[in-house]
Amino acid sequence: MLTRTSTQSLTGQLADRLAERIRTRLLPPGARLPSVRECARQQGVSPYTVVAAYDQLLAQGLVEARRQRGFYVRDAAPVQEGRLASRTNGTHGTNGPDAIGMPAAIAVQMMASRVPADASSLIRSMFHRPSDKPQPGMGVFPPDWMSSTFMPTAVRRMTSTAALQELSLQYGEPAGDMSLRRSLSQKLVGINVPATPDQIVTTIGATHALDIVSRTLLRAGDPVMVEEPGWALEFARLEALGMRILPVPRRADGPDLEVMAQYCKLHSPKLFVSVSVLHNPTGYSLTPGSAHRVLKLANEHDFHVVEDDTYSHLAPEHATRLSALDGLQRTIYVSGFAKILAPNWRIGFLAAPPALKERLLETKLLATLTSPTLFERALSWCIDQGQLRRHSERVRIRLDGARGRAVKLAMSHGCTFASEPAGLFGWVDTGVDTDALTQRMLDQGYLLAPGSLFHARRPPSTMMRINFATSQDATFWKVFSKVRDEL
């Protein structure tokens, strides 16, 4: 909050606050700043103070004044007219293609139009927390949830004099440390994904694995089907690579198969990216019937499926997975450990059909040569000793309790859940524009994840994603209700 006891003027404090949000893209290009009167009311200062602060931002080249329209963050992307919201939870107040009487084929063509996605605000939030308060918009567990004694032990075992000499004085294996690949192969047996160590390639996190798949199988301009709502970074990553994003509405049982079938007829997609289990942000998990139909489409229309199983450590082993049903023929399985164990170890992996493994490995070699053997071998020890399994069980039990508390708090403050709460995230309807709500909550020191971030075109949305582990604070919900009611 702005304070009159600071050595800095109110004008300087306000200008610095807005400048920081612009630079970290919490106020993205094209965003309209509040009107002078509205900003003055929000911040409890005079309109003169706001005008002076906006003048400073103009002088710094961060905003531009548009006659009779207000102040906007500079370098805005063109606004897309006639945007069509996907037929899924998260764009309340809009209608899907069938609802407006539009033929499905035309609707699909409109949905496939290329529009830039912007995930920077959410990604940067992982590194720039607005305050030391619990942050409901965060995409990871709080550090104390992942604290353990076995991880330091594992690293110490790998840094004895003899081991350190072996691991530090030469490059590791291009495909990844063999001991870890054996451990991962055995771990995948538990979820019925048949992958030999030779089919596994370790990566610098799961995001790197997804990037390897994209760079190997796709070329700029290729159409790619991606679930929507979906992971904000995936939209932005594919857009940066020049891919044509085809958003597929995600439902409780799986992707919208009618939309997928239309895309296949109209655009011949090369790839489908799916989070089958504990989908982000909805928490949905794929049903066997939908999984079989997705694989049937993949075979009929000759596209690959990359299955992002980042939240596998929080899910039951019997959950339906495309890679298990398909046996890694058209599927590529991706996962990692940042969400459950050690974000800074940066270890992920992919398991692929034998015919694709070498091509994927070549892409990894061109980017990183190898991956860090020391941490890979430490992780292998954690898996083989059962430490990861026991740690995951403890986190799941703790998360179950946190989820129950967070759901009660959210509902008691007028929110509803668009899907049955499960996993780490909740998909919550607030009843107001969450882009506007996010900016107001930043003033209170809280970061939200507005629903628009989880759509390729960022349509206005009343939805937000909450992290159950960081949404148990009653104070947050009281502030949330107050701010929401003021909008």
Protein backbone atom coordinates (compact mmCIF):
# COMPACT_ATOMS: atom_id res chain seq x y z
CA MET A 1 0.00 0.00 0.00
CA LEU A 2 1.07 3.58 -0.57
CA THR A 3 2.21 5.25 2.64
CA ARG A 4 2.63 8.88 3.61
CA THR A 5 5.40 7.95 6.07
CA SER A 6 7.74 6.87 3.28
CA THR A 7 10.68 9.06 2.30
CA GLN A 8 9.42 8.72 -1.29
CA SER A 9 6.53 10.85 -2.50
CA LEU A 10 3.14 9.30 -3.14
CA THR A 11 3.61 10.10 -6.82
CA GLY A 12 6.93 8.26 -6.89
CA GLN A 13 5.53 5.26 -5.00
CA LEU A 14 2.58 4.92 -7.40
CA ALA A 15 4.73 5.37 -10.50
CA ASP A 16 7.24 2.78 -9.27
CA ARG A 17 4.49 0.29 -8.42
CA LEU A 18 2.93 0.54 -11.88
CA ALA A 19 6.32 0.51 -13.62
CA GLU A 20 7.26 -2.72 -11.85
CA ARG A 21 4.01 -4.36 -12.90
CA ILE A 22 4.56 -3.30 -16.50
CA ARG A 23 8.15 -4.56 -16.57
CA THR A 24 7.16 -7.93 -15.08
CA ARG A 25 4.13 -8.05 -17.41
CA LEU A 26 1.64 -8.21 -14.58
CA LEU A 27 0.27 -5.29 -16.59
CA PRO A 28 0.74 -6.72 -20.10
CA PRO A 29 1.14 -4.75 -23.35
CA GLY A 30 -2.16 -3.22 -24.37
CA ALA A 31 -3.57 -3.14 -20.85
CA ARG A 32 -5.56 -0.01 -20.01
CA LEU A 33 -4.61 1.74 -16.79
CA PRO A 34 -7.48 2.75 -14.51
CA SER A 35 -8.92 6.18 -15.18
CA VAL A 36 -7.39 8.98 -13.12
CA ARG A 37 -10.44 9.20 -10.87
CA GLU A 38 -10.69 5.43 -10.44
CA CYS A 39 -6.99 5.06 -9.66
CA ALA A 40 -7.20 7.90 -7.14
CA ARG A 41 -10.13 6.17 -5.44
CA GLN A 42 -8.38 2.78 -5.42
CA GLN A 43 -5.13 4.14 -4.01
CA GLY A 44 -6.59 6.72 -1.62
CA VAL A 45 -4.72 9.64 -3.21
CA SER A 46 -5.66 12.81 -5.08
CA PRO A 47 -6.25 12.87 -8.86
CA TYR A 48 -3.26 15.23 -9.10
CA THR A 49 -1.01 12.49 -7.67
CA VAL A 50 -2.27 10.00 -10.25
CA VAL A 51 -1.78 12.43 -13.14
CA ALA A 52 1.78 13.09 -11.97
CA ALA A 53 2.49 9.35 -11.70
CA TYR A 54 1.08 8.67 -15.16
CA ASP A 55 3.25 11.52 -16.50
CA GLN A 56 6.32 9.75 -15.07
CA LEU A 57 5.31 6.52 -16.83
CA LEU A 58 4.85 8.47 -20.07
CA ALA A 59 8.32 9.95 -19.69
CA GLN A 60 9.77 6.47 -19.15
CA GLY A 61 8.12 5.23 -22.33
CA LEU A 62 6.12 2.60 -20.48
CA VAL A 63 2.64 3.88 -21.35
CA GLU A 64 0.98 5.95 -24.02
CA ALA A 65 -1.95 8.35 -23.82
CA ARG A 66 -4.77 7.78 -26.31
CA ARG A 67 -7.03 10.78 -26.86
CA GLN A 68 -10.34 10.42 -25.01
CA ARG A 69 -9.53 6.78 -24.23
CA GLY A 70 -7.00 6.90 -21.40
CA PHE A 71 -3.55 5.48 -20.72
CA TYR A 72 -2.37 2.13 -22.12
CA VAL A 73 0.74 0.00 -21.66
CA ARG A 74 2.88 0.43 -24.77
CA ASP A 75 3.68 -2.16 -27.48
CA ALA A 76 0.15 -3.55 -27.55
CA ALA A 77 -0.66 -6.41 -29.88
CA PRO A 78 -3.57 -5.74 -32.27
CA VAL A 79 -6.95 -6.47 -30.75
CA GLN A 80 -8.64 -9.37 -32.55
CA GLU A 81 -12.23 -8.67 -33.56
CA GLY A 82 -14.93 -11.30 -33.56
CA ARG A 83 -13.15 -13.58 -31.13
CA LEU A 84 -14.97 -16.81 -30.48
CA ALA A 85 -14.84 -18.25 -26.99
CA SER A 86 -14.33 -21.97 -26.71
CA ARG A 87 -17.20 -24.13 -25.54
CA THR A 88 -15.95 -24.84 -22.07
CA ASN A 89 -16.05 -23.56 -18.53
CA GLY A 90 -14.08 -20.37 -18.12
CA THR A 91 -15.68 -17.98 -20.60
CA HIS A 92 -18.95 -17.41 -18.80
CA GLY A 93 -21.18 -14.91 -20.52
CA THR A 94 -20.22 -16.12 -24.01
CA ASN A 95 -21.74 -18.78 -26.23
CA GLY A 96 -20.09 -21.68 -28.02
CA PRO A 97 -20.45 -22.26 -31.77
CA ASP A 98 -23.51 -24.52 -31.52
CA ALA A 99 -25.25 -22.08 -29.16
CA ILE A 100 -25.22 -19.30 -31.75
CA GLY A 101 -26.36 -21.52 -34.58
CA MET A 102 -23.03 -21.46 -36.38
CA PRO A 103 -22.02 -24.56 -38.38
CA ALA A 104 -19.37 -26.53 -36.50
CA ALA A 105 -16.87 -26.40 -39.37
CA ILE A 106 -17.01 -22.58 -39.55
CA ALA A 107 -16.77 -22.32 -35.80
CA VAL A 108 -13.69 -24.52 -35.76
CA GLN A 109 -12.04 -22.42 -38.48
CA MET A 110 -12.60 -19.29 -36.40
CA MET A 111 -11.27 -20.96 -33.28
CA ALA A 112 -8.12 -21.92 -35.14
CA SER A 113 -7.15 -18.33 -36.01
CA ARG A 114 -3.72 -17.43 -34.69
CA VAL A 115 -3.65 -14.94 -31.85
CA PRO A 116 -0.63 -14.35 -29.60
CA ALA A 117 -0.77 -15.78 -26.09
CA ASP A 118 0.83 -14.04 -23.14
CA ALA A 119 1.84 -16.13 -20.12
CA SER A 120 4.65 -13.91 -18.88
CA SER A 121 2.73 -12.48 -15.93
CA LEU A 122 2.03 -15.90 -14.48
CA ILE A 123 5.49 -17.29 -15.18
CA ARG A 124 7.29 -14.23 -13.80
CA SER A 125 5.19 -14.51 -10.66
CA MET A 126 7.14 -17.66 -9.80
CA PHE A 127 10.21 -15.46 -9.38
CA HIS A 128 8.71 -12.09 -8.35
CA ARG A 129 6.30 -12.57 -5.47
CA PRO A 130 4.34 -9.38 -4.74
CA SER A 131 4.62 -9.93 -0.96
CA ASP A 132 5.39 -12.56 1.67
CA LYS A 133 1.68 -13.41 1.95
CA PRO A 134 0.34 -16.76 0.69
CA GLN A 135 -0.17 -16.46 -3.08
CA PRO A 136 -3.31 -18.23 -4.39
CA GLY A 137 -2.20 -17.75 -8.00
CA MET A 138 1.07 -19.64 -7.67
CA GLY A 139 1.53 -22.82 -9.71
CA VAL A 140 3.72 -24.73 -7.27
CA PHE A 141 3.68 -25.96 -3.69
CA PRO A 142 5.08 -23.64 -1.01
CA PRO A 143 8.74 -24.50 -0.26
CA ASP A 144 7.98 -25.91 3.20
CA TRP A 145 5.71 -28.53 1.62
CA MET A 146 8.64 -29.99 -0.31
CA SER A 147 11.23 -29.76 2.46
CA SER A 148 12.85 -33.12 3.29
CA THR A 149 15.91 -34.67 4.89
CA PHE A 150 16.45 -37.30 2.21
CA MET A 151 17.25 -34.85 -0.60
CA PRO A 152 20.34 -33.40 1.10
CA THR A 153 21.37 -36.98 1.91
CA ALA A 154 21.04 -37.95 -1.75
CA VAL A 155 23.17 -35.01 -2.88
CA ARG A 156 25.84 -35.73 -0.24
CA ARG A 157 26.10 -39.30 -1.51
CA MET A 158 26.77 -37.96 -5.00
CA THR A 159 29.35 -35.41 -3.86
CA SER A 160 31.79 -37.64 -2.06
CA THR A 161 35.30 -37.14 -3.40
CA ALA A 162 35.27 -40.22 -5.60
CA ALA A 163 31.75 -39.69 -6.93
CA LEU A 164 32.35 -36.01 -7.59
CA GLN A 165 35.48 -36.77 -9.57
CA GLU A 166 33.54 -39.22 -11.70
CA LEU A 167 30.55 -36.97 -12.29
CA SER A 168 32.26 -33.61 -12.76
CA LEU A 169 35.16 -34.28 -15.07
CA GLN A 170 33.25 -35.51 -18.09
CA TYR A 171 29.95 -35.03 -19.89
CA GLY A 172 27.10 -37.29 -18.90
CA GLU A 173 25.26 -39.64 -21.22
CA PRO A 174 23.31 -37.75 -23.90
CA ALA A 175 20.06 -39.60 -23.16
CA GLY A 176 20.51 -39.12 -19.43
CA ASP A 177 22.09 -41.09 -16.62
CA MET A 178 21.37 -44.78 -17.11
CA SER A 179 20.67 -45.39 -13.43
CA LEU A 180 17.91 -42.78 -13.51
CA ARG A 181 16.46 -44.09 -16.76
CA ARG A 182 16.27 -47.57 -15.21
CA SER A 183 14.55 -46.10 -12.14
CA LEU A 184 12.09 -44.18 -14.30
CA SER A 185 11.34 -47.24 -16.43
CA GLN A 186 10.50 -49.22 -13.31
CA LYS A 187 8.42 -46.34 -11.94
CA LEU A 188 6.39 -46.18 -15.16
CA VAL A 189 5.52 -49.85 -14.76
CA GLY A 190 3.45 -48.79 -11.76
CA ILE A 191 1.14 -46.72 -14.00
CA ASN A 192 1.16 -49.27 -16.86
CA VAL A 193 3.26 -47.18 -19.24
CA PRO A 194 5.61 -49.62 -21.01
CA ALA A 195 8.93 -47.82 -21.49
CA THR A 196 12.35 -49.43 -21.50
CA PRO A 197 15.35 -47.35 -20.36
CA ASP A 198 16.30 -46.99 -24.03
CA GLN A 199 12.98 -45.24 -24.77
CA ILE A 200 13.56 -42.59 -22.09
CA VAL A 201 15.39 -39.26 -22.52
CA THR A 202 15.98 -37.05 -19.51
CA THR A 203 15.50 -33.29 -19.85
CA ILE A 204 15.97 -29.99 -18.02
CA GLY A 205 12.46 -30.15 -16.59
CA ALA A 206 9.13 -31.18 -18.13
CA THR A 207 8.84 -27.91 -20.09
CA HIS A 208 12.12 -28.75 -21.84
CA ALA A 209 10.71 -32.17 -22.72
CA LEU A 210 7.64 -30.57 -24.30
CA ASP A 211 9.90 -28.20 -26.21
CA ILE A 212 12.01 -31.08 -27.52
CA VAL A 213 8.89 -32.81 -28.83
CA SER A 214 7.66 -29.64 -30.53
CA ARG A 215 10.99 -28.83 -32.15
CA THR A 216 11.38 -32.41 -33.37
CA LEU A 217 7.93 -33.10 -34.79
CA LEU A 218 6.76 -29.65 -35.89
CA ARG A 219 7.72 -26.84 -38.21
CA ALA A 220 6.60 -23.21 -38.13
CA GLY A 221 3.01 -22.93 -39.27
CA ASP A 222 2.03 -26.48 -38.34
CA PRO A 223 -1.38 -26.84 -36.64
CA VAL A 224 -1.31 -28.15 -33.05
CA MET A 225 -4.33 -29.08 -30.94
CA VAL A 226 -4.10 -27.92 -27.31
CA GLU A 227 -6.66 -28.31 -24.54
CA GLU A 228 -8.44 -25.14 -23.41
CA PRO A 229 -8.52 -23.93 -20.72
CA GLY A 230 -4.95 -25.06 -20.44
CA TRP A 231 -1.48 -24.28 -19.21
CA ALA A 232 -0.69 -20.68 -20.09
CA LEU A 233 2.96 -21.39 -20.89
CA GLU A 234 2.08 -24.04 -23.47
CA PHE A 235 0.04 -21.57 -25.53
CA ALA A 236 2.84 -19.00 -25.36
CA ARG A 237 5.59 -21.52 -26.09
CA LEU A 238 3.92 -22.92 -29.19
CA GLU A 239 3.05 -19.43 -30.41
CA ALA A 240 6.70 -18.38 -30.02
CA LEU A 241 7.70 -21.34 -32.20
CA GLY A 242 5.31 -20.14 -34.91
CA MET A 243 2.77 -22.96 -34.52
CA ARG A 244 -0.89 -22.58 -35.33
CA ILE A 245 -2.80 -23.24 -32.11
CA LEU A 246 -6.09 -25.12 -32.36
CA PRO A 247 -7.77 -24.84 -28.94
CA VAL A 248 -9.79 -27.91 -27.93
CA PRO A 249 -12.36 -27.38 -25.17
CA ARG A 250 -11.59 -29.59 -22.17
CA ARG A 251 -14.54 -31.31 -20.52
CA ALA A 252 -14.88 -33.46 -17.42
CA ASP A 253 -14.40 -36.70 -19.37
CA GLY A 254 -11.69 -35.41 -21.71
CA PRO A 255 -11.26 -33.20 -24.78
CA ASP A 256 -14.21 -32.18 -26.95
CA LEU A 257 -14.04 -34.97 -29.50
CA GLU A 258 -16.40 -33.26 -31.96
CA VAL A 259 -14.12 -30.23 -32.16
CA MET A 260 -11.06 -32.51 -32.52
CA ALA A 261 -12.72 -34.38 -35.38
CA GLN A 262 -13.51 -31.11 -37.18
CA TYR A 263 -9.93 -29.90 -36.74
CA CYS A 264 -8.66 -33.17 -38.20
CA LYS A 265 -10.84 -32.74 -41.30
CA LEU A 266 -10.06 -29.06 -41.81
CA HIS A 267 -6.45 -28.64 -40.67
CA SER A 268 -4.68 -32.03 -40.49
CA PRO A 269 -3.01 -31.30 -37.12
CA LYS A 270 0.41 -32.77 -36.45
CA LEU A 271 0.15 -33.01 -32.66
CA PHE A 272 -2.28 -33.00 -29.75
CA VAL A 273 -1.03 -31.78 -26.34
CA SER A 274 -3.01 -33.15 -23.42
CA VAL A 275 -2.91 -33.21 -19.61
CA SER A 276 -4.91 -36.39 -19.08
CA VAL A 277 -4.71 -36.60 -15.30
CA LEU A 278 -5.48 -33.73 -12.88
CA HIS A 279 -5.72 -31.29 -15.74
CA ASN A 280 -4.45 -27.76 -15.13
CA PRO A 281 -6.50 -25.70 -14.29
CA THR A 282 -9.73 -27.71 -14.00
CA GLY A 283 -8.56 -30.81 -12.09
CA TYR A 284 -10.41 -33.06 -14.58
CA SER A 285 -9.12 -36.56 -15.34
CA LEU A 286 -9.60 -38.47 -18.59
CA THR A 287 -12.13 -41.32 -18.80
CA PRO A 288 -11.30 -44.61 -20.60
CA GLY A 289 -14.02 -44.05 -23.23
CA SER A 290 -12.68 -40.63 -24.21
CA ALA A 291 -9.11 -41.92 -24.20
CA HIS A 292 -9.93 -44.69 -26.69
CA ARG A 293 -11.68 -42.21 -29.00
CA VAL A 294 -8.72 -39.80 -28.88
CA LEU A 295 -6.35 -42.61 -29.84
CA LYS A 296 -8.71 -43.71 -32.62
CA LEU A 297 -8.63 -40.17 -34.05
CA ALA A 298 -4.82 -40.12 -33.79
CA ASN A 299 -4.56 -43.33 -35.79
CA GLU A 300 -7.14 -42.31 -38.39
CA HIS A 301 -5.63 -38.85 -38.97
CA ASP A 302 -1.95 -39.61 -38.38
CA PHE A 303 -1.05 -37.24 -35.54
CA HIS A 304 0.98 -37.81 -32.38
CA VAL A 305 -0.21 -37.21 -28.85
CA VAL A 306 2.07 -35.74 -26.20
CA GLU A 307 0.76 -36.54 -22.74
CA ASP A 308 1.91 -34.13 -20.03
CA ASP A 309 1.69 -36.04 -16.74
CA THR A 310 3.29 -33.37 -14.57
CA TYR A 311 0.88 -34.05 -11.71
CA SER A 312 1.30 -37.83 -11.73
CA HIS A 313 2.75 -37.78 -8.20
CA LEU A 314 -0.57 -36.45 -6.87
CA ALA A 315 -2.81 -38.83 -8.83
CA PRO A 316 -3.86 -42.44 -8.24
CA GLU A 317 -1.88 -45.03 -10.17
CA HIS A 318 -5.06 -46.43 -11.77
CA ALA A 319 -5.91 -43.09 -13.44
CA THR A 320 -6.51 -43.39 -17.19
CA ARG A 321 -3.48 -42.42 -19.25
CA LEU A 322 -3.27 -42.31 -23.02
CA SER A 323 0.30 -43.61 -23.01
CA ALA A 324 -0.73 -46.71 -21.05
CA LEU A 325 -3.60 -47.54 -23.40
CA ASP A 326 -1.55 -46.81 -26.51
CA GLY A 327 1.65 -48.50 -25.35
CA LEU A 328 3.78 -45.57 -26.58
CA GLN A 329 2.99 -46.07 -30.24
CA ARG A 330 1.49 -42.69 -31.13
CA THR A 331 1.91 -41.18 -27.69
CA ILE A 332 4.90 -39.48 -26.07
CA TYR A 333 4.82 -39.39 -22.29
CA VAL A 334 6.24 -36.35 -20.46
CA SER A 335 6.69 -35.74 -16.74
CA GLY A 336 9.00 -34.12 -14.20
CA PHE A 337 9.66 -33.54 -10.51
CA ALA A 338 9.48 -29.77 -10.01
CA LYS A 339 5.91 -29.94 -8.70
CA ILE A 340 6.65 -32.51 -6.01
CA LEU A 341 10.32 -32.65 -5.10
CA ALA A 342 12.96 -30.21 -6.22
CA PRO A 343 12.15 -27.36 -8.64
CA ASN A 344 15.77 -26.26 -8.85
CA TRP A 345 17.09 -29.70 -9.73
CA ARG A 346 15.37 -29.17 -13.13
CA ILE A 347 14.85 -32.84 -13.97
CA GLY A 348 12.18 -33.98 -16.37
CA PHE A 349 11.95 -36.75 -18.91
CA LEU A 350 10.09 -38.09 -21.91
CA ALA A 351 9.29 -41.65 -22.93
CA ALA A 352 8.77 -42.13 -26.64
CA PRO A 353 8.12 -44.73 -29.32
CA PRO A 354 11.40 -46.42 -30.32
CA ALA A 355 11.13 -44.99 -33.84
CA LEU A 356 11.15 -41.42 -32.47
CA LYS A 357 13.68 -41.73 -29.65
CA GLU A 358 16.80 -40.94 -31.69
CA ARG A 359 15.23 -37.91 -33.37
CA LEU A 360 14.19 -36.53 -29.99
CA LEU A 361 17.66 -37.18 -28.61
CA GLU A 362 19.25 -35.27 -31.50
CA THR A 363 17.12 -32.24 -30.66
CA LYS A 364 18.24 -32.42 -27.03
CA LEU A 365 21.88 -32.67 -28.09
CA LEU A 366 21.62 -29.56 -30.23
CA ALA A 367 20.23 -27.55 -27.30
CA THR A 368 21.93 -28.84 -24.14
CA LEU A 369 24.33 -31.65 -25.14
CA THR A 370 23.54 -33.57 -21.95
CA SER A 371 21.77 -33.03 -18.63
CA PRO A 372 23.36 -32.82 -15.13
CA THR A 373 24.32 -36.32 -14.03
CA LEU A 374 24.86 -35.38 -10.39
CA PHE A 375 21.23 -34.46 -9.74
CA GLU A 376 19.94 -37.23 -12.01
CA ARG A 377 21.82 -39.84 -10.00
CA ALA A 378 20.64 -38.27 -6.74
CA LEU A 379 17.05 -38.49 -7.97
CA SER A 380 17.58 -42.12 -8.96
CA TRP A 381 18.62 -42.87 -5.36
CA CYS A 382 15.50 -41.10 -4.04
CA ILE A 383 13.28 -43.22 -6.28
CA ASP A 384 15.02 -46.54 -5.64
CA GLN A 385 15.03 -46.06 -1.86
CA GLY A 386 11.30 -45.35 -1.83
CA GLN A 387 11.86 -41.82 -0.56
CA LEU A 388 10.00 -40.15 -3.43
CA ARG A 389 7.00 -42.46 -3.02
CA ARG A 390 6.72 -41.83 0.73
CA HIS A 391 7.24 -38.09 0.27
CA SER A 392 4.49 -37.99 -2.38
CA GLU A 393 2.11 -39.82 -0.05
CA ARG A 394 2.74 -37.26 2.71
CA VAL A 395 2.13 -34.38 0.32
CA ARG A 396 -1.10 -35.95 -0.99
CA ILE A 397 -2.46 -36.35 2.54
CA ARG A 398 -1.56 -32.77 3.41
CA LEU A 399 -3.08 -31.53 0.16
CA ASP A 400 -6.35 -33.34 0.84
CA GLY A 401 -6.71 -31.35 4.07
CA ALA A 402 -5.72 -28.07 2.44
CA ARG A 403 -8.17 -28.63 -0.41
CA GLY A 404 -11.05 -29.17 1.98
CA ARG A 405 -10.27 -25.97 3.89
CA ALA A 406 -9.75 -23.88 0.74
CA VAL A 407 -12.99 -25.09 -0.83
CA LYS A 408 -15.01 -24.16 2.27
CA LEU A 409 -13.44 -20.70 2.38
CA ALA A 410 -14.02 -20.07 -1.32
CA MET A 411 -17.64 -21.13 -1.20
CA SER A 412 -18.34 -19.19 1.99
CA HIS A 413 -17.17 -16.06 0.16
CA GLY A 414 -19.52 -16.48 -2.78
CA CYS A 415 -17.38 -18.47 -5.21
CA THR A 416 -18.46 -21.60 -7.06
CA PHE A 417 -16.35 -24.39 -8.54
CA ALA A 418 -16.75 -25.12 -12.24
CA SER A 419 -15.37 -28.62 -11.70
CA GLU A 420 -15.10 -31.07 -8.83
CA PRO A 421 -12.09 -29.97 -6.75
CA ALA A 422 -9.17 -32.38 -7.24
CA GLY A 423 -5.40 -32.25 -7.26
CA LEU A 424 -3.48 -29.03 -6.63
CA PHE A 425 -5.74 -26.54 -8.43
CA GLY A 426 -9.32 -25.33 -8.24
CA TRP A 427 -11.19 -23.71 -11.16
CA VAL A 428 -13.29 -21.06 -9.47
CA ASP A 429 -16.04 -18.76 -10.75
CA THR A 430 -15.82 -15.40 -8.97
CA GLY A 431 -18.70 -13.65 -10.72
CA VAL A 432 -16.55 -10.70 -11.81
CA ASP A 433 -13.88 -9.94 -14.42
CA THR A 434 -10.79 -11.58 -12.95
CA ASP A 435 -8.34 -9.51 -15.01
CA ALA A 436 -9.61 -6.41 -13.21
CA LEU A 437 -9.76 -8.32 -9.93
CA THR A 438 -6.14 -9.43 -10.33
CA GLN A 439 -4.87 -5.86 -10.64
CA ARG A 440 -6.84 -4.75 -7.60
CA MET A 441 -5.61 -7.70 -5.52
CA LEU A 442 -2.01 -6.89 -6.42
CA ASP A 443 -2.49 -3.64 -4.51
CA GLN A 444 -3.24 -5.80 -1.47
CA GLY A 445 -0.14 -7.96 -1.98
CA TYR A 446 -1.89 -10.99 -3.50
CA LEU A 447 -1.25 -12.60 -6.90
CA LEU A 448 -4.18 -14.26 -8.68
CA ALA A 449 -4.26 -16.42 -11.79
CA PRO A 450 -7.15 -14.96 -13.87
CA GLY A 451 -9.09 -17.22 -16.19
CA SER A 452 -8.08 -15.36 -19.34
CA LEU A 453 -4.50 -16.59 -18.93
CA PHE A 454 -5.65 -20.16 -19.54
CA HIS A 455 -7.09 -19.44 -22.97
CA ALA A 456 -5.21 -18.99 -26.22
CA ARG A 457 -6.94 -15.67 -26.99
CA ARG A 458 -7.31 -14.37 -23.43
CA PRO A 459 -11.06 -13.59 -23.57
CA PRO A 460 -12.58 -11.83 -20.57
CA SER A 461 -13.42 -14.38 -17.90
CA THR A 462 -14.99 -14.59 -14.45
CA MET A 463 -12.85 -17.64 -13.65
CA MET A 464 -9.62 -17.89 -11.69
CA ARG A 465 -7.34 -20.77 -10.79
CA ILE A 466 -6.48 -21.18 -7.13
CA ASN A 467 -3.71 -23.24 -5.60
CA PHE A 468 -5.28 -25.20 -2.74
CA ALA A 469 -2.00 -25.25 -0.81
CA THR A 470 -1.80 -21.44 -0.77
CA SER A 471 -5.51 -20.56 -0.51
CA GLN A 472 -6.19 -21.54 3.10
CA ASP A 473 -5.69 -18.08 4.54
CA ALA A 474 -8.98 -16.61 5.81
CA THR A 475 -7.50 -13.12 5.61
CA PHE A 476 -6.99 -13.50 1.87
CA TRP A 477 -10.63 -14.45 1.33
CA LYS A 478 -11.86 -11.49 3.39
CA VAL A 479 -9.75 -9.11 1.30
CA PHE A 480 -10.87 -10.91 -1.86
CA SER A 481 -14.55 -10.43 -0.99
CA LYS A 482 -14.08 -6.76 -0.18
CA VAL A 483 -12.20 -6.01 -3.41
CA ARG A 484 -14.58 -8.08 -5.55
CA ASP A 485 -17.61 -6.26 -4.13
CA GLU A 486 -16.01 -2.91 -5.05
CA LEU A 487 -15.66 -3.84 -8.72
